[in-house]
Protein backbone atom coordinates (compact mmCIF):
# COMPACT_ATOMS: atom_id res chain seq x y z
CA UNK A 1 0.00 0.00 0.00
CA UNK A 2 2.82 2.42 0.87
CA UNK A 3 4.41 1.76 -2.53
CA UNK A 4 1.15 2.62 -4.30
CA UNK A 5 0.84 5.83 -2.31
CA UNK A 6 4.30 6.98 -3.34
CA UNK A 7 3.53 6.11 -6.98
CA UNK A 8 0.39 8.26 -6.76
CA UNK A 9 2.35 11.20 -5.38
CA UNK A 10 4.97 10.75 -8.09
CA UNK A 11 2.27 10.74 -10.78
CA UNK A 12 0.62 13.84 -9.30
CA UNK A 13 3.90 15.75 -9.55
CA UNK A 14 3.62 15.64 -13.38
CA UNK A 15 0.14 17.15 -13.46
CA UNK A 16 -0.51 20.75 -14.39
CA UNK A 17 -0.48 23.01 -11.33
CA UNK A 18 -4.09 24.03 -12.06
CA UNK A 19 -5.36 20.44 -12.31
CA UNK A 20 -7.63 19.01 -9.65
CA UNK A 21 -7.52 15.35 -8.64
CA UNK A 22 -10.25 13.57 -6.73
CA UNK A 23 -9.95 10.25 -4.91
CA UNK A 24 -13.37 8.64 -4.41
CA UNK A 25 -15.04 11.87 -5.56
CA UNK A 26 -16.07 12.77 -9.15
CA UNK A 27 -15.88 16.54 -8.58
CA UNK A 28 -12.83 17.58 -6.54
CA UNK A 29 -13.08 20.91 -4.70
CA UNK A 30 -9.34 21.59 -4.52
CA UNK A 31 -6.03 20.38 -6.00
CA UNK A 32 -6.25 17.06 -4.15
CA UNK A 33 -9.67 16.08 -2.74
CA UNK A 34 -9.82 12.76 -0.85
CA UNK A 35 -13.24 11.39 0.06
CA UNK A 36 -12.57 8.92 2.86
CA UNK A 37 -10.22 8.48 5.78
CA UNK A 38 -6.76 9.99 5.64
CA UNK A 39 -3.84 10.12 8.05
CA UNK A 40 -0.94 12.53 7.92
CA UNK A 41 1.63 13.91 10.34
CA UNK A 42 1.50 17.35 8.69
CA UNK A 43 -1.41 19.05 6.97
CA UNK A 44 -0.96 22.25 4.99
CA UNK A 45 -4.27 24.12 4.91
CA UNK A 46 -3.34 27.17 2.90
CA UNK A 47 -1.99 30.53 4.02
CA UNK A 48 -3.46 32.52 6.88
CA UNK A 49 -2.59 36.20 7.14
CA UNK A 50 -0.28 37.10 10.00
CA UNK A 51 -1.64 38.79 13.13
CA UNK A 52 -1.51 42.54 13.40
CA UNK A 53 -0.38 44.28 16.59
CA UNK A 54 -4.02 45.12 17.32
CA UNK A 55 -5.09 41.46 16.95
CA UNK A 56 -2.34 39.75 18.93
CA UNK A 57 -3.99 40.36 22.33
CA UNK A 58 -7.50 39.44 21.21
CA UNK A 59 -9.17 36.06 21.48
CA UNK A 60 -9.42 34.74 17.90
CA UNK A 61 -10.97 31.61 16.43
CA UNK A 62 -10.36 29.75 13.20
CA UNK A 63 -13.12 28.39 10.98
CA UNK A 64 -13.12 26.11 7.96
CA UNK A 65 -14.95 27.08 4.76
CA UNK A 66 -17.14 24.12 3.74
CA UNK A 67 -16.99 25.11 0.05
CA UNK A 68 -13.21 24.84 -0.35
CA UNK A 69 -11.97 23.66 3.09
CA UNK A 70 -9.92 26.85 3.45
CA UNK A 71 -9.04 28.08 6.94
CA UNK A 72 -9.72 31.66 8.01
CA UNK A 73 -9.92 33.71 11.19
CA UNK A 74 -13.22 34.76 12.74
CA UNK A 75 -13.44 38.47 13.46
CA UNK A 76 -16.65 39.21 15.44
CA UNK A 77 -16.30 42.93 14.61
CA UNK A 78 -17.15 42.28 10.95
CA UNK A 79 -20.92 42.42 10.20
CA UNK A 80 -22.29 38.97 9.36
CA UNK A 81 -19.23 37.13 10.76
CA UNK A 82 -19.81 34.17 13.10
CA UNK A 83 -19.77 35.05 16.80
CA UNK A 84 -18.28 33.29 19.81
CA UNK A 85 -21.32 33.84 22.02
CA UNK A 86 -24.95 34.91 21.77
CA UNK A 87 -26.37 37.85 23.72
CA UNK A 88 -30.08 37.40 24.38
CA UNK A 89 -32.52 39.70 26.22
CA UNK A 90 -35.62 38.22 27.87
CA UNK A 91 -38.41 40.62 28.91
CA UNK A 92 -40.76 38.70 31.20
CA UNK A 93 -43.90 40.82 31.28
CA UNK A 94 -46.81 40.83 33.75
CA UNK A 95 -44.97 38.74 36.35
CA UNK A 96 -46.91 37.98 39.51
CA UNK A 97 -45.90 40.98 41.60
CA UNK A 98 -42.09 40.89 41.48
CA UNK A 99 -41.69 37.09 41.49
CA UNK A 100 -40.43 34.86 38.67
CA UNK A 101 -40.15 31.36 40.11
CA UNK A 102 -38.98 29.70 36.93
CA UNK A 103 -38.82 30.71 33.27
CA UNK A 104 -37.67 27.93 30.93
CA UNK A 105 -35.44 29.36 28.17
CA UNK A 106 -35.47 25.98 26.35
CA UNK A 107 -31.67 26.28 26.04
CA UNK A 108 -30.29 22.87 26.91
CA UNK A 109 -27.71 22.59 29.68
CA UNK A 110 -25.77 19.80 27.95
CA UNK A 111 -24.50 21.88 25.03
CA UNK A 112 -24.65 25.47 26.32
CA UNK A 113 -23.62 27.65 29.26
CA UNK A 114 -25.81 30.62 30.17
CA UNK A 115 -24.61 33.61 32.19
CA UNK A 116 -26.88 36.45 33.34
CA UNK A 117 -25.12 39.76 32.65
CA UNK A 118 -27.81 41.91 34.22
CA UNK A 119 -31.39 41.72 35.49
CA UNK A 120 -33.74 44.50 36.51
CA UNK A 121 -37.38 45.07 37.43
CA UNK A 122 -39.46 48.03 36.25
CA UNK A 123 -41.38 48.74 39.49
CA UNK A 124 -40.53 50.12 42.92
CA UNK A 125 -40.54 47.45 45.60
CA UNK A 126 -41.88 48.12 49.09
CA UNK A 127 -41.82 46.50 52.51
CA UNK A 128 -45.30 47.35 53.74
CA UNK A 129 -45.69 51.12 53.64
CA UNK A 130 -42.15 51.99 54.76
CA UNK A 131 -40.85 52.67 51.24
CA UNK A 132 -37.56 50.81 51.88
CA UNK A 133 -35.96 49.63 48.63
CA UNK A 134 -34.23 46.25 48.31
CA UNK A 135 -31.77 44.57 45.96
CA UNK A 136 -33.14 41.68 43.87
CA UNK A 137 -32.14 38.04 44.02
CA UNK A 138 -31.88 36.50 40.56
CA UNK A 139 -30.07 33.69 38.82
CA UNK A 140 -30.23 30.70 36.49
CA UNK A 141 -30.67 27.03 37.37
CA UNK A 142 -30.59 23.71 35.53
CA UNK A 143 -34.12 22.30 35.66
CA UNK A 144 -34.92 19.12 33.70
CA UNK A 145 -32.00 19.71 31.33
CA UNK A 146 -32.84 23.35 30.44
CA UNK A 147 -31.61 26.69 31.76
CA UNK A 148 -34.34 28.40 33.82
CA UNK A 149 -34.30 32.04 34.97
CA UNK A 150 -35.58 33.11 38.38
CA UNK A 151 -35.90 36.44 40.22
CA UNK A 152 -37.47 37.87 43.36
CA UNK A 153 -37.25 40.59 46.00
CA UNK A 154 -37.24 38.45 49.13
CA UNK A 155 -39.77 39.42 51.81
CA UNK A 156 -40.84 42.41 49.71
CA UNK A 157 -43.46 42.95 47.03
CA UNK A 158 -44.54 45.16 44.19
CA UNK A 159 -47.92 46.90 44.39
CA UNK A 160 -48.57 45.98 40.72
CA UNK A 161 -47.37 43.29 38.34
CA UNK A 162 -44.21 44.27 36.50
CA UNK A 163 -41.61 43.27 33.93
CA UNK A 164 -38.26 41.60 34.57
CA UNK A 165 -35.55 42.13 31.94
CA UNK A 166 -32.68 39.62 31.78
CA UNK A 167 -29.65 40.17 29.56
CA UNK A 168 -27.86 36.85 29.08
CA UNK A 169 -24.72 35.55 27.39
CA UNK A 170 -25.02 32.05 25.91
CA UNK A 171 -21.86 30.10 25.06
CA UNK A 172 -21.49 26.73 23.32
CA UNK A 173 -19.73 24.52 25.87
CA UNK A 174 -17.13 23.61 23.23
CA UNK A 175 -15.82 27.18 23.70
CA UNK A 176 -15.97 27.15 27.51
CA UNK A 177 -13.66 25.40 29.96
CA UNK A 178 -15.87 24.20 32.81
CA UNK A 179 -14.49 23.59 36.28
CA UNK A 180 -16.35 21.70 38.97
CA UNK A 181 -17.85 23.34 42.04
CA UNK A 182 -15.18 24.58 44.46
CA UNK A 183 -16.18 24.57 48.13
CA UNK A 184 -13.89 26.62 50.38
CA UNK A 185 -14.63 27.06 54.13
CA UNK A 186 -13.90 30.50 55.56
CA UNK A 187 -13.47 29.23 59.14
CA UNK A 188 -15.93 31.64 60.75
CA UNK A 189 -14.21 34.64 59.13
CA UNK A 190 -15.28 37.10 56.43
CA UNK A 191 -12.39 36.62 53.98
CA UNK A 192 -10.19 33.94 52.39
CA UNK A 193 -7.79 33.03 49.56
CA UNK A 194 -7.99 30.29 46.93
CA UNK A 195 -5.22 27.76 47.57
CA UNK A 196 -5.21 26.23 44.07
CA UNK A 197 -6.36 28.83 41.51
CA UNK A 198 -7.98 27.49 38.35
CA UNK A 199 -5.91 29.92 36.24
CA UNK A 200 -2.33 31.00 36.77
CA UNK A 201 -2.20 34.34 38.62
């Protein structure tokens, strides 16, 4: 088999530089198009432009063009370019007072991570008639395999139903490094230090 492979490469060296050869495909998409399994220690995927000084400190991704298998960088600043994450805003209208027990986003927890960037309520919240304002409690939980939003002003209430607005970032988990829960006792104090940081300081 190895001998046949070298003969094929030798034969290809005599072809015109503009010729396209397909193995197990009648319409090759590039100079050499192999339909099937292939193993190589080195793959040359074309030329990618060098990084500029502005780009070198940014987080960049590569993508492969399905039409010609070319490799190119993703630049989220360019209109219409693929993004790394999705920003979604949920406006939950006519909530019961100020309470959202559970709102199912239908975004599955297996493939995606969801982070709440901000959440706010459009009504004043009161404790009886005192007029004391409170900070909200809000978050996201995994419920039956989907991300669910919740929010409330504990022990307080709105005089009328209102609207919660959640701004969320949604990341495919293939782009996110996920660490397990880290429990650290503070020993009856109000401060502490991580002994084994997840990222180098």
